[in-house]
Structure formats: C-alpha cells, structure tokens
Amino acid sequence: MRIHHVLFFTVALSLTPGLSFAQPPQAVPGDTTEVRVGDAGQFRPAFQIEPLVHRFEARRGKLIPFEFELVAKTETTVDIKAVAMIQQETGIILPAENSPVPPGLTVSSEGRVDLGEEEMTLIKGTVRVPLDDSPFHTFGVLVKNVNGESVDVNGAQPEGTSLGVKFVTQYLLRCDVDVLGARGGVVERLVLPHGELGEANGFALARVFIENPTPDSTTFNARCRLRNVATGAEYPTFELGMPCRANLSGPERLEGRILGDSRIRVEAPIPHPLFVGDYELIVDLVERNKVQLTQRFPVSVVGDDFPAQNR
C-alpha cells in the first residue's frame, strides 16, 4: 500500500493599515527541501473589511462604540478577537496574540462567524479611553479565516511526501484615539540611546533610535540638525520620520507615534552635503510645538563616505 503525505506550510496574507504582505512559510526542522511559493498576489483575500482604521477624538474615560463591515469574497469561516499590539523598530504595529488584551477594549460580535460568498457581517465593540497621561491610544481587533486556501507546491507524487501551502487572510483592525485635553508628559521620559549617520544610495542619512520605558503611548515630532565641531557652524534643521510612514504625504508622514515599552527608529536623508570632519547630531523631540527633550550624538564623516553627494 502506498502512503502519500502532504506537508503544509502556512502563509498569512496580512493586511494592516499601510501594510500588506505575505509572511514567509515557517521552516520545518531537519527539512532541507527548497520550497518555491508563487506570487501571493494571485490569491485573493478570503474577505474584505472597511475601514481598516477608525480615528476618534475623545476625552479620558469616554466610551466609544465602533463597527467594521466585513464582506466575504468566498465561503469562509472567520475568527474575530481583541488583541494587544506590539510595535516594530520601523514603527509598524502588529498583533501580540499572547499578550493581555487592554482592559478598555471589548468586542461584542461573535468570536467565530460562518459566511457565504458576498455575505456581510458587522464587527462591533467599544473602547474606553484610559485615564492615563497618554495623548493617544490604539486598540486592535484581529480577524482571520480558519479555512485558508490550500495549494500544492510541487505536484502530486505517487508516494512519499509532497509540499503544499495554505494561504490565510488576516486583518489587523485598529481604533486610534487622540485624547482631548491630555496632560502629556510622556515625551520627556523617552530615551534616545543612539544616533548615527547612515548611507542610502550614496547619500547621507540621519538615524536616531527612540525607546519608551513607560507603559504610555505618545506622539511627537523629531527635528534634527548638524553642528560642525571645528567651526561651530550649525546646518539647517530638518525632520525625521518613522520608516513605515516614508511613503505617506502630509503632516502624518513626519508624526512619530510610539507605544508603551517599545523601541523605534526615525530617519531622513540629510538635505545638504557633509564633508570630512566631526559633527554633532542634535535631535529635538517636540510635543505641541514645544521642545521636550534634546539629545546630542558625536558623529564623523571619513573619506568618501557619501559619494553620491559629490556628483
């Protein structure tokens, strides 16, 4: 009797605000088979949700109802649950399924829903604005289909093991709340452990790392300038932004947002040439047009570090 095994890898088609990507399949220990997955773009999401983000303005303690509209694009079963959030260094916010859910977030919809093609359901819940000093909060709802689409990777084999890929549609929905009348005070408690000059396509780049040791989220703008140590001359000020917002336009492109107990980086091309020598990289964190924190970092330019600026 011939026994045929199919080994499945799971690829999550994740859709988060400002981000859509396919997470790579997890490796199987001891398996050296090369797996080639085709363009994930040919696989349609099992469902669509509007909007991806709700943005509210409210005072501390207010209870805010929300709802998202989910439309199935094929027959599917979806799981819906409130989640905590974590922030990557680039500023991207992702679900933290193993962390406690914020106490102010409640999802009143059913946790699992069966849907037919083009069937619609509403995801409902409430958020209560915390009573802390944070000027903003973000709450997350994770939605993903249980029965993902399975695809054979290397074709059926008469015996042994073949490989397949299961595509799972996953949305991270957000409720962002700007707090009216917030006291703030979080920005001045942020820590800037390191600043440096980087290089991008031959041009100079200013890069600064920011850590939030508090449990409170906050917003800020990061302004940067360079001072020539030898001459004391200061160059014009420019603003730094989170990499995840580099393709946005308008004021939000340069608005920094950092969650509690997180570490991010902000960066930007330096808008003027830098010559060989020693400099100070001066960074101001600004909240409500007032500088709350200033940090200086020694940096140097050696030789032809940034060849593109000499063209």
C-alpha atoms as a PDB file:
ATOM      1  CA  MET A   1       0.000   0.000   0.000  1.00  0.00           C
ATOM      2  CA  ARG A   2       1.381   3.385  -0.988  1.00  0.00           C
ATOM      3  CA  ILE A   3       1.086   6.161   1.587  1.00  0.00           C
ATOM      4  CA  HIS A   4       1.158   9.770   0.441  1.00  0.00           C
ATOM      5  CA  HIS A   5       1.777  12.585   2.927  1.00  0.00           C
ATOM      6  CA  VAL A   6       1.238  16.280   2.276  1.00  0.00           C
ATOM      7  CA  LEU A   7       3.299  18.672   4.390  1.00  0.00           C
ATOM      8  CA  PHE A   8       1.640  22.105   4.591  1.00  0.00           C
ATOM      9  CA  PHE A   9       3.285  25.461   5.196  1.00  0.00           C
ATOM     10  CA  THR A  10       1.055  28.331   6.298  1.00  0.00           C
ATOM     11  CA  VAL A  11       1.432  31.757   4.698  1.00  0.00           C
ATOM     12  CA  ALA A  12      -0.538  34.597   6.293  1.00  0.00           C
ATOM     13  CA  LEU A  13      -1.768  37.242   3.865  1.00  0.00           C
ATOM     14  CA  SER A  14      -1.702  40.014   6.453  1.00  0.00           C
ATOM     15  CA  LEU A  15      -3.462  43.285   5.833  1.00  0.00           C
ATOM     16  CA  THR A  16      -2.736  46.058   8.304  1.00  0.00           C
ATOM     17  CA  PRO A  17      -3.163  49.811   7.852  1.00  0.00           C
ATOM     18  CA  GLY A  18      -0.477  50.964   5.440  1.00  0.00           C
ATOM     19  CA  LEU A  19       0.925  47.470   5.039  1.00  0.00           C
ATOM     20  CA  SER A  20       0.099  44.364   3.029  1.00  0.00           C
ATOM     21  CA  PHE A  21       2.471  41.454   2.862  1.00  0.00           C
ATOM     22  CA  ALA A  22       2.779  37.693   2.796  1.00  0.00           C
ATOM     23  CA  GLN A  23       4.615  36.253   5.759  1.00  0.00           C
ATOM     24  CA  PRO A  24       7.131  33.567   4.704  1.00  0.00           C
ATOM     25  CA  PRO A  25       6.350  29.935   5.489  1.00  0.00           C
ATOM     26  CA  GLN A  26       7.888  28.620   8.689  1.00  0.00           C
ATOM     27  CA  ALA A  27      10.803  26.249   8.261  1.00  0.00           C
ATOM     28  CA  VAL A  28      10.435  22.634   9.352  1.00  0.00           C
ATOM     29  CA  PRO A  29      13.421  21.411  11.442  1.00  0.00           C
ATOM     30  CA  GLY A  30      15.524  18.935   9.520  1.00  0.00           C
ATOM     31  CA  ASP A  31      13.789  19.619   6.207  1.00  0.00           C
ATOM     32  CA  THR A  32      16.223  20.764   3.515  1.00  0.00           C
ATOM     33  CA  THR A  33      13.740  20.778   0.629  1.00  0.00           C
ATOM     34  CA  GLU A  34      13.642  24.061  -1.268  1.00  0.00           C
ATOM     35  CA  VAL A  35      10.123  25.445  -1.376  1.00  0.00           C
ATOM     36  CA  ARG A  36       9.190  27.934  -4.069  1.00  0.00           C
ATOM     37  CA  VAL A  37       5.984  29.839  -3.445  1.00  0.00           C
ATOM     38  CA  GLY A  38       4.451  31.711  -6.372  1.00  0.00           C
ATOM     39  CA  ASP A  39       3.381  35.324  -6.298  1.00  0.00           C
ATOM     40  CA  ALA A  40       0.956  35.620  -3.378  1.00  0.00           C
ATOM     41  CA  GLY A  41      -0.751  38.436  -5.267  1.00  0.00           C
ATOM     42  CA  GLN A  42      -2.635  35.878  -7.383  1.00  0.00           C
ATOM     43  CA  PHE A  43      -4.520  34.706  -4.286  1.00  0.00           C
ATOM     44  CA  ARG A  44      -7.475  36.907  -3.386  1.00  0.00           C
ATOM     45  CA  PRO A  45      -8.165  37.673   0.258  1.00  0.00           C
ATOM     46  CA  ALA A  46     -10.988  35.482   1.561  1.00  0.00           C
ATOM     47  CA  PHE A  47     -12.779  38.594   2.812  1.00  0.00           C
ATOM     48  CA  GLN A  48     -12.518  42.370   2.823  1.00  0.00           C
ATOM     49  CA  ILE A  49     -13.096  44.844   5.651  1.00  0.00           C
ATOM     50  CA  GLU A  50     -13.856  48.561   5.656  1.00  0.00           C
ATOM     51  CA  PRO A  51     -12.479  50.658   7.172  1.00  0.00           C
ATOM     52  CA  LEU A  52      -9.135  49.307   8.346  1.00  0.00           C
ATOM     53  CA  VAL A  53      -8.726  52.123  10.875  1.00  0.00           C
ATOM     54  CA  HIS A  54     -11.184  54.203  12.871  1.00  0.00           C
ATOM     55  CA  ARG A  55      -9.792  57.520  14.110  1.00  0.00           C
ATOM     56  CA  PHE A  56     -11.540  59.150  17.048  1.00  0.00           C
ATOM     57  CA  GLU A  57     -11.062  62.220  19.215  1.00  0.00           C
ATOM     58  CA  ALA A  58     -12.328  61.907  22.784  1.00  0.00           C
ATOM     59  CA  ARG A  59     -11.629  62.836  26.371  1.00  0.00           C
ATOM     60  CA  ARG A  60     -10.317  60.467  29.007  1.00  0.00           C
ATOM     61  CA  GLY A  61     -12.873  57.987  30.308  1.00  0.00           C
ATOM     62  CA  LYS A  62     -15.242  58.259  27.323  1.00  0.00           C
ATOM     63  CA  LEU A  63     -16.811  55.063  25.960  1.00  0.00           C
ATOM     64  CA  ILE A  64     -16.629  54.925  22.142  1.00  0.00           C
ATOM     65  CA  PRO A  65     -18.611  52.398  20.051  1.00  0.00           C
ATOM     66  CA  PHE A  66     -17.105  51.134  16.793  1.00  0.00           C
ATOM     67  CA  GLU A  67     -18.031  48.840  13.918  1.00  0.00           C
ATOM     68  CA  PHE A  68     -16.271  47.419  10.858  1.00  0.00           C
ATOM     69  CA  GLU A  69     -18.010  45.938   7.813  1.00  0.00           C
ATOM     70  CA  LEU A  70     -16.715  42.533   6.687  1.00  0.00           C
ATOM     71  CA  VAL A  71     -17.694  41.082   3.283  1.00  0.00           C
ATOM     72  CA  ALA A  72     -16.712  37.506   2.403  1.00  0.00           C
ATOM     73  CA  LYS A  73     -15.279  37.038  -1.112  1.00  0.00           C
ATOM     74  CA  THR A  74     -15.691  33.275  -0.851  1.00  0.00           C
ATOM     75  CA  GLU A  75     -17.346  30.850   1.542  1.00  0.00           C
ATOM     76  CA  THR A  76     -15.281  31.066   4.703  1.00  0.00           C
ATOM     77  CA  THR A  77     -15.161  30.929   8.495  1.00  0.00           C
ATOM     78  CA  VAL A  78     -13.534  33.832  10.317  1.00  0.00           C
ATOM     79  CA  ASP A  79     -12.232  34.228  13.845  1.00  0.00           C
ATOM     80  CA  ILE A  80     -12.609  37.651  15.481  1.00  0.00           C
ATOM     81  CA  LYS A  81     -10.867  38.675  18.680  1.00  0.00           C
ATOM     82  CA  ALA A  82      -9.486  41.668  20.543  1.00  0.00           C
ATOM     83  CA  VAL A  83      -5.684  41.714  20.731  1.00  0.00           C
ATOM     84  CA  ALA A  84      -2.853  43.632  22.312  1.00  0.00           C
ATOM     85  CA  MET A  85      -0.365  45.333  19.981  1.00  0.00           C
ATOM     86  CA  ILE A  86       3.394  45.436  19.622  1.00  0.00           C
ATOM     87  CA  GLN A  87       5.492  47.865  17.613  1.00  0.00           C
ATOM     88  CA  GLN A  88       8.457  47.013  15.435  1.00  0.00           C
ATOM     89  CA  GLU A  89      11.522  49.216  15.100  1.00  0.00           C
ATOM     90  CA  THR A  90      10.240  50.571  11.780  1.00  0.00           C
ATOM     91  CA  GLY A  91       7.119  51.841  13.551  1.00  0.00           C
ATOM     92  CA  ILE A  92       4.810  49.158  12.155  1.00  0.00           C
ATOM     93  CA  ILE A  93       2.171  47.984  14.642  1.00  0.00           C
ATOM     94  CA  LEU A  94       1.401  44.249  14.736  1.00  0.00           C
ATOM     95  CA  PRO A  95      -0.848  41.993  16.841  1.00  0.00           C
ATOM     96  CA  ALA A  96       0.538  40.483  20.050  1.00  0.00           C
ATOM     97  CA  GLU A  97      -1.760  37.479  20.430  1.00  0.00           C
ATOM     98  CA  ASN A  98      -0.011  36.120  23.519  1.00  0.00           C
ATOM     99  CA  SER A  99      -0.169  39.374  25.494  1.00  0.00           C
ATOM    100  CA  PRO A 100      -3.080  40.528  27.688  1.00  0.00           C
ATOM    101  CA  VAL A 101      -5.795  42.491  25.867  1.00  0.00           C
ATOM    102  CA  PRO A 102      -6.083  46.143  27.006  1.00  0.00           C
ATOM    103  CA  PRO A 103      -8.882  46.377  29.598  1.00  0.00           C
ATOM    104  CA  GLY A 104     -10.609  49.220  27.737  1.00  0.00           C
ATOM    105  CA  LEU A 105     -11.289  47.151  24.589  1.00  0.00           C
ATOM    106  CA  THR A 106     -14.409  44.991  24.178  1.00  0.00           C
ATOM    107  CA  VAL A 107     -15.568  43.113  21.056  1.00  0.00           C
ATOM    108  CA  SER A 108     -19.278  42.313  21.262  1.00  0.00           C
ATOM    109  CA  SER A 109     -19.514  40.371  17.979  1.00  0.00           C
ATOM    110  CA  GLU A 110     -19.382  36.579  17.901  1.00  0.00           C
ATOM    111  CA  GLY A 111     -15.864  35.149  18.069  1.00  0.00           C
ATOM    112  CA  ARG A 112     -16.376  32.841  15.063  1.00  0.00           C
ATOM    113  CA  VAL A 113     -18.651  33.510  12.082  1.00  0.00           C
ATOM    114  CA  ASP A 114     -19.542  31.311   9.072  1.00  0.00           C
ATOM    115  CA  LEU A 115     -20.120  33.301   5.878  1.00  0.00           C
ATOM    116  CA  GLY A 116     -21.175  32.549   2.327  1.00  0.00           C
ATOM    117  CA  GLU A 117     -19.761  34.295  -0.739  1.00  0.00           C
ATOM    118  CA  GLU A 118     -20.538  38.056  -0.694  1.00  0.00           C
ATOM    119  CA  GLU A 119     -22.228  37.708   2.707  1.00  0.00           C
ATOM    120  CA  MET A 120     -21.714  40.665   5.041  1.00  0.00           C
ATOM    121  CA  THR A 121     -21.351  40.887   8.799  1.00  0.00           C
ATOM    122  CA  LEU A 122     -20.542  43.715  11.212  1.00  0.00           C
ATOM    123  CA  ILE A 123     -17.727  43.580  13.741  1.00  0.00           C
ATOM    124  CA  LYS A 124     -18.872  45.636  16.716  1.00  0.00           C
ATOM    125  CA  GLY A 125     -17.379  46.675  20.014  1.00  0.00           C
ATOM    126  CA  THR A 126     -16.375  49.548  22.260  1.00  0.00           C
ATOM    127  CA  VAL A 127     -13.208  51.203  23.519  1.00  0.00           C
ATOM    128  CA  ARG A 128     -12.982  53.177  26.729  1.00  0.00           C
ATOM    129  CA  VAL A 129     -10.315  55.878  26.724  1.00  0.00           C
ATOM    130  CA  PRO A 130      -7.899  55.197  29.617  1.00  0.00           C
ATOM    131  CA  LEU A 131      -7.422  57.743  32.392  1.00  0.00           C
ATOM    132  CA  ASP A 132      -3.632  57.970  31.998  1.00  0.00           C
ATOM    133  CA  ASP A 133      -1.486  60.785  30.572  1.00  0.00           C
ATOM    134  CA  SER A 134      -1.151  59.403  27.023  1.00  0.00           C
ATOM    135  CA  PRO A 135      -2.156  61.791  24.228  1.00  0.00           C
ATOM    136  CA  PHE A 136      -3.192  58.853  22.028  1.00  0.00           C
ATOM    137  CA  HIS A 137      -4.183  55.193  22.255  1.00  0.00           C
ATOM    138  CA  THR A 138      -4.538  52.441  19.690  1.00  0.00           C
ATOM    139  CA  PHE A 139      -6.677  49.314  20.065  1.00  0.00           C
ATOM    140  CA  GLY A 140      -6.577  46.226  17.852  1.00  0.00           C
ATOM    141  CA  VAL A 141      -9.032  43.611  16.565  1.00  0.00           C
ATOM    142  CA  LEU A 142      -7.571  40.596  14.755  1.00  0.00           C
ATOM    143  CA  VAL A 143      -9.692  38.901  12.074  1.00  0.00           C
ATOM    144  CA  LYS A 144      -8.541  35.815  10.157  1.00  0.00           C
ATOM    145  CA  ASN A 145     -10.102  32.958   8.250  1.00  0.00           C
ATOM    146  CA  VAL A 146      -9.947  29.453   9.673  1.00  0.00           C
ATOM    147  CA  ASN A 147     -10.181  27.506   6.413  1.00  0.00           C
ATOM    148  CA  GLY A 148      -7.356  29.008   4.358  1.00  0.00           C
ATOM    149  CA  GLU A 149      -6.825  28.264   0.669  1.00  0.00           C
ATOM    150  CA  SER A 150      -4.534  25.256   0.118  1.00  0.00           C
ATOM    151  CA  VAL A 151      -2.231  24.968  -2.899  1.00  0.00           C
ATOM    152  CA  ASP A 152       0.019  22.046  -3.914  1.00  0.00           C
ATOM    153  CA  VAL A 153       3.571  23.347  -4.415  1.00  0.00           C
ATOM    154  CA  ASN A 154       5.443  20.548  -6.163  1.00  0.00           C
ATOM    155  CA  GLY A 155       2.620  18.467  -7.610  1.00  0.00           C
ATOM    156  CA  ALA A 156       1.245  15.128  -6.578  1.00  0.00           C
ATOM    157  CA  GLN A 157       3.811  12.385  -6.029  1.00  0.00           C
ATOM    158  CA  PRO A 158       2.997   8.668  -6.213  1.00  0.00           C
ATOM    159  CA  GLU A 159       4.340   8.100  -2.723  1.00  0.00           C
ATOM    160  CA  GLY A 160       6.360   9.822  -0.038  1.00  0.00           C
ATOM    161  CA  THR A 161       5.787  13.451   0.924  1.00  0.00           C
ATOM    162  CA  SER A 162       4.746  16.411  -1.195  1.00  0.00           C
ATOM    163  CA  LEU A 163       4.500  20.026  -0.124  1.00  0.00           C
ATOM    164  CA  GLY A 164       1.560  22.392  -0.005  1.00  0.00           C
ATOM    165  CA  VAL A 165       0.924  25.973   1.059  1.00  0.00           C
ATOM    166  CA  LYS A 166      -2.118  27.233   2.956  1.00  0.00           C
ATOM    167  CA  PHE A 167      -2.932  30.921   2.488  1.00  0.00           C
ATOM    168  CA  VAL A 168      -4.680  32.556   5.443  1.00  0.00           C
ATOM    169  CA  THR A 169      -6.250  36.023   5.189  1.00  0.00           C
ATOM    170  CA  GLN A 170      -5.565  38.112   8.273  1.00  0.00           C
ATOM    171  CA  TYR A 171      -6.612  41.689   9.039  1.00  0.00           C
ATOM    172  CA  LEU A 172      -5.453  43.781  11.975  1.00  0.00           C
ATOM    173  CA  LEU A 173      -8.133  46.422  12.503  1.00  0.00           C
ATOM    174  CA  ARG A 174      -7.356  49.489  14.594  1.00  0.00           C
ATOM    175  CA  CYS A 175      -9.188  52.082  16.618  1.00  0.00           C
ATOM    176  CA  ASP A 176      -6.891  55.083  17.102  1.00  0.00           C
ATOM    177  CA  VAL A 177      -7.920  57.651  19.697  1.00  0.00           C
ATOM    178  CA  ASP A 178      -6.436  61.140  20.009  1.00  0.00           C
ATOM    179  CA  VAL A 179      -7.105  62.217  23.583  1.00  0.00           C
ATOM    180  CA  LEU A 180      -8.529  65.716  24.023  1.00  0.00           C
ATOM    181  CA  GLY A 181      -7.092  67.646  26.950  1.00  0.00           C
ATOM    182  CA  ALA A 182      -4.407  65.041  27.683  1.00  0.00           C
ATOM    183  CA  ARG A 183      -1.750  66.211  30.108  1.00  0.00           C
ATOM    184  CA  GLY A 184       1.057  64.589  28.138  1.00  0.00           C
ATOM    185  CA  GLY A 185       4.465  64.452  29.767  1.00  0.00           C
ATOM    186  CA  VAL A 186       5.450  61.141  28.195  1.00  0.00           C
ATOM    187  CA  VAL A 187       7.803  62.599  25.557  1.00  0.00           C
ATOM    188  CA  GLU A 188      10.212  63.980  28.149  1.00  0.00           C
ATOM    189  CA  ARG A 189      10.532  60.472  29.593  1.00  0.00           C
ATOM    190  CA  LEU A 190      11.574  58.893  26.293  1.00  0.00           C
ATOM    191  CA  VAL A 191      15.159  57.663  25.922  1.00  0.00           C
ATOM    192  CA  LEU A 192      17.392  58.251  22.889  1.00  0.00           C
ATOM    193  CA  PRO A 193      20.179  55.667  23.284  1.00  0.00           C
ATOM    194  CA  HIS A 194      21.871  56.108  19.922  1.00  0.00           C
ATOM    195  CA  GLY A 195      22.108  58.399  16.912  1.00  0.00           C
ATOM    196  CA  GLU A 196      24.198  57.864  13.795  1.00  0.00           C
ATOM    197  CA  LEU A 197      24.896  58.732  10.195  1.00  0.00           C
ATOM    198  CA  GLY A 198      23.785  56.119   7.718  1.00  0.00           C
ATOM    199  CA  GLU A 199      24.020  55.829   3.951  1.00  0.00           C
ATOM    200  CA  ALA A 200      21.260  55.399   1.375  1.00  0.00           C
ATOM    201  CA  ASN A 201      22.136  55.249  -2.331  1.00  0.00           C
ATOM    202  CA  GLY A 202      25.361  57.125  -1.662  1.00  0.00           C
ATOM    203  CA  PHE A 203      23.729  59.967   0.276  1.00  0.00           C
ATOM    204  CA  ALA A 204      23.946  60.724   3.987  1.00  0.00           C
ATOM    205  CA  LEU A 205      21.117  59.664   6.262  1.00  0.00           C
ATOM    206  CA  ALA A 206      20.448  60.718   9.861  1.00  0.00           C
ATOM    207  CA  ARG A 207      19.101  57.908  12.037  1.00  0.00           C
ATOM    208  CA  VAL A 208      18.049  58.038  15.698  1.00  0.00           C
ATOM    209  CA  PHE A 209      16.698  55.286  17.959  1.00  0.00           C
ATOM    210  CA  ILE A 210      13.976  56.060  20.500  1.00  0.00           C
ATOM    211  CA  GLU A 211      12.887  53.922  23.448  1.00  0.00           C
ATOM    212  CA  ASN A 212       9.749  54.311  25.537  1.00  0.00           C
ATOM    213  CA  PRO A 213      10.344  52.838  29.021  1.00  0.00           C
ATOM    214  CA  THR A 214       6.838  53.804  30.174  1.00  0.00           C
ATOM    215  CA  PRO A 215       3.560  51.903  29.616  1.00  0.00           C
ATOM    216  CA  ASP A 216       2.022  55.007  27.986  1.00  0.00           C
ATOM    217  CA  SER A 217       1.843  55.749  24.258  1.00  0.00           C
ATOM    218  CA  THR A 218       2.730  59.165  22.907  1.00  0.00           C
ATOM    219  CA  THR A 219       3.152  61.262  19.783  1.00  0.00           C
ATOM    220  CA  PHE A 220       5.968  63.615  18.847  1.00  0.00           C
ATOM    221  CA  ASN A 221       7.914  65.231  16.036  1.00  0.00           C
ATOM    222  CA  ALA A 222      11.668  64.718  15.731  1.00  0.00           C
ATOM    223  CA  ARG A 223      13.707  67.677  14.490  1.00  0.00           C
ATOM    224  CA  CYS A 224      17.352  67.273  13.625  1.00  0.00           C
ATOM    225  CA  ARG A 225      20.342  69.459  12.777  1.00  0.00           C
ATOM    226  CA  LEU A 226      24.087  69.031  12.481  1.00  0.00           C
ATOM    227  CA  ARG A 227      26.794  71.190  14.050  1.00  0.00           C
ATOM    228  CA  ASN A 228      30.335  71.274  12.694  1.00  0.00           C
ATOM    229  CA  VAL A 229      32.589  70.714  15.714  1.00  0.00           C
ATOM    230  CA  ALA A 230      35.590  72.524  14.181  1.00  0.00           C
ATOM    231  CA  THR A 231      33.781  75.712  13.144  1.00  0.00           C
ATOM    232  CA  GLY A 232      30.737  75.682  15.427  1.00  0.00           C
ATOM    233  CA  ALA A 233      28.501  76.286  12.414  1.00  0.00           C
ATOM    234  CA  GLU A 234      25.019  74.741  12.550  1.00  0.00           C
ATOM    235  CA  TYR A 235      23.266  73.486   9.435  1.00  0.00           C
ATOM    236  CA  PRO A 236      19.519  73.952   8.750  1.00  0.00           C
ATOM    237  CA  THR A 237      17.011  71.885  10.709  1.00  0.00           C
ATOM    238  CA  PHE A 238      15.128  69.009   9.061  1.00  0.00           C
ATOM    239  CA  GLU A 239      12.608  66.464  10.349  1.00  0.00           C
ATOM    240  CA  LEU A 240      12.948  62.727  10.919  1.00  0.00           C
ATOM    241  CA  GLY A 241      10.180  60.186  10.379  1.00  0.00           C
ATOM    242  CA  MET A 242       9.406  56.524  11.009  1.00  0.00           C
ATOM    243  CA  PRO A 243      10.327  54.257   8.054  1.00  0.00           C
ATOM    244  CA  CYS A 244       6.790  52.809   7.932  1.00  0.00           C
ATOM    245  CA  ARG A 245       5.441  56.269   7.058  1.00  0.00           C
ATOM    246  CA  ALA A 246       8.018  57.150   4.400  1.00  0.00           C
ATOM    247  CA  ASN A 247       5.505  56.763   1.551  1.00  0.00           C
ATOM    248  CA  LEU A 248       2.775  58.868   3.156  1.00  0.00           C
ATOM    249  CA  SER A 249       2.132  62.510   2.358  1.00  0.00           C
ATOM    250  CA  GLY A 250       1.040  65.397   4.523  1.00  0.00           C
ATOM    251  CA  PRO A 251       1.779  66.083   8.201  1.00  0.00           C
ATOM    252  CA  GLU A 252       1.223  62.475   9.338  1.00  0.00           C
ATOM    253  CA  ARG A 253       4.295  61.404   7.352  1.00  0.00           C
ATOM    254  CA  LEU A 254       6.507  63.068   9.970  1.00  0.00           C
ATOM    255  CA  GLU A 255       4.388  62.379  13.043  1.00  0.00           C
ATOM    256  CA  GLY A 256       6.095  59.926  15.360  1.00  0.00           C
ATOM    257  CA  ARG A 257       3.968  57.516  17.381  1.00  0.00           C
ATOM    258  CA  ILE A 258       5.475  55.140  19.900  1.00  0.00           C
ATOM    259  CA  LEU A 259       3.626  52.588  22.001  1.00  0.00           C
ATOM    260  CA  GLY A 260       4.455  51.900  25.618  1.00  0.00           C
ATOM    261  CA  ASP A 261       7.508  49.691  26.270  1.00  0.00           C
ATOM    262  CA  SER A 262       8.582  49.957  22.614  1.00  0.00           C
ATOM    263  CA  ARG A 263      11.649  50.903  20.583  1.00  0.00           C
ATOM    264  CA  ILE A 264      11.503  52.599  17.192  1.00  0.00           C
ATOM    265  CA  ARG A 265      13.812  54.489  14.885  1.00  0.00           C
ATOM    266  CA  VAL A 266      13.319  57.730  12.980  1.00  0.00           C
ATOM    267  CA  GLU A 267      15.407  58.781  10.000  1.00  0.00           C
ATOM    268  CA  ALA A 268      15.654  61.062   6.986  1.00  0.00           C
ATOM    269  CA  PRO A 269      18.126  61.982   4.231  1.00  0.00           C
ATOM    270  CA  ILE A 270      20.366  64.894   5.205  1.00  0.00           C
ATOM    271  CA  PRO A 271      19.388  67.768   2.875  1.00  0.00           C
ATOM    272  CA  HIS A 272      22.903  69.197   2.461  1.00  0.00           C
ATOM    273  CA  PRO A 273      26.406  67.852   1.691  1.00  0.00           C
ATOM    274  CA  LEU A 274      28.622  66.635   4.518  1.00  0.00           C
ATOM    275  CA  PHE A 275      32.372  66.982   4.257  1.00  0.00           C
ATOM    276  CA  VAL A 276      35.100  65.113   6.116  1.00  0.00           C
ATOM    277  CA  GLY A 277      35.149  66.053   9.772  1.00  0.00           C
ATOM    278  CA  ASP A 278      33.500  65.721  13.159  1.00  0.00           C
ATOM    279  CA  TYR A 279      29.914  66.775  13.820  1.00  0.00           C
ATOM    280  CA  GLU A 280      27.257  66.801  16.491  1.00  0.00           C
ATOM    281  CA  LEU A 281      23.930  65.258  15.546  1.00  0.00           C
ATOM    282  CA  ILE A 282      21.394  67.277  17.561  1.00  0.00           C
ATOM    283  CA  VAL A 283      17.881  65.871  17.961  1.00  0.00           C
ATOM    284  CA  ASP A 284      14.883  67.655  19.482  1.00  0.00           C
ATOM    285  CA  LEU A 285      11.688  65.773  20.337  1.00  0.00           C
ATOM    286  CA  VAL A 286       8.783  68.192  20.035  1.00  0.00           C
ATOM    287  CA  GLU A 287       5.290  67.920  21.512  1.00  0.00           C
ATOM    288  CA  ARG A 288       2.673  70.615  20.861  1.00  0.00           C
ATOM    289  CA  ASN A 289       5.331  72.832  19.250  1.00  0.00           C
ATOM    290  CA  LYS A 290       7.448  72.748  22.409  1.00  0.00           C
ATOM    291  CA  VAL A 291      10.826  71.009  22.675  1.00  0.00           C
ATOM    292  CA  GLN A 292      10.513  68.385  25.419  1.00  0.00           C
ATOM    293  CA  LEU A 293      13.798  66.526  25.006  1.00  0.00           C
ATOM    294  CA  THR A 294      17.147  67.266  23.335  1.00  0.00           C
ATOM    295  CA  GLN A 295      19.964  64.776  22.747  1.00  0.00           C
ATOM    296  CA  ARG A 296      23.371  65.224  21.089  1.00  0.00           C
ATOM    297  CA  PHE A 297      25.394  62.479  19.421  1.00  0.00           C
ATOM    298  CA  PRO A 298      29.010  62.704  18.154  1.00  0.00           C
ATOM    299  CA  VAL A 299      29.306  61.573  14.519  1.00  0.00           C
ATOM    300  CA  SER A 300      32.084  61.722  11.940  1.00  0.00           C
ATOM    301  CA  VAL A 301      32.489  61.705   8.178  1.00  0.00           C
ATOM    302  CA  VAL A 302      35.579  59.867   6.957  1.00  0.00           C
ATOM    303  CA  GLY A 303      36.865  59.796   3.393  1.00  0.00           C
ATOM    304  CA  ASP A 304      34.340  59.217   0.637  1.00  0.00           C
ATOM    305  CA  ASP A 305      31.515  58.024   2.914  1.00  0.00           C
ATOM    306  CA  PHE A 306      28.773  59.545   0.755  1.00  0.00           C
ATOM    307  CA  PRO A 307      29.943  59.514  -2.874  1.00  0.00           C
ATOM    308  CA  ALA A 308      26.599  60.467  -4.429  1.00  0.00           C
ATOM    309  CA  GLN A 309      26.640  63.954  -2.872  1.00  0.00           C
ATOM    310  CA  ASN A 310      29.728  64.833  -4.928  1.00  0.00           C
ATOM    311  CA  ARG A 311      28.129  64.160  -8.306  1.00  0.00           C
END
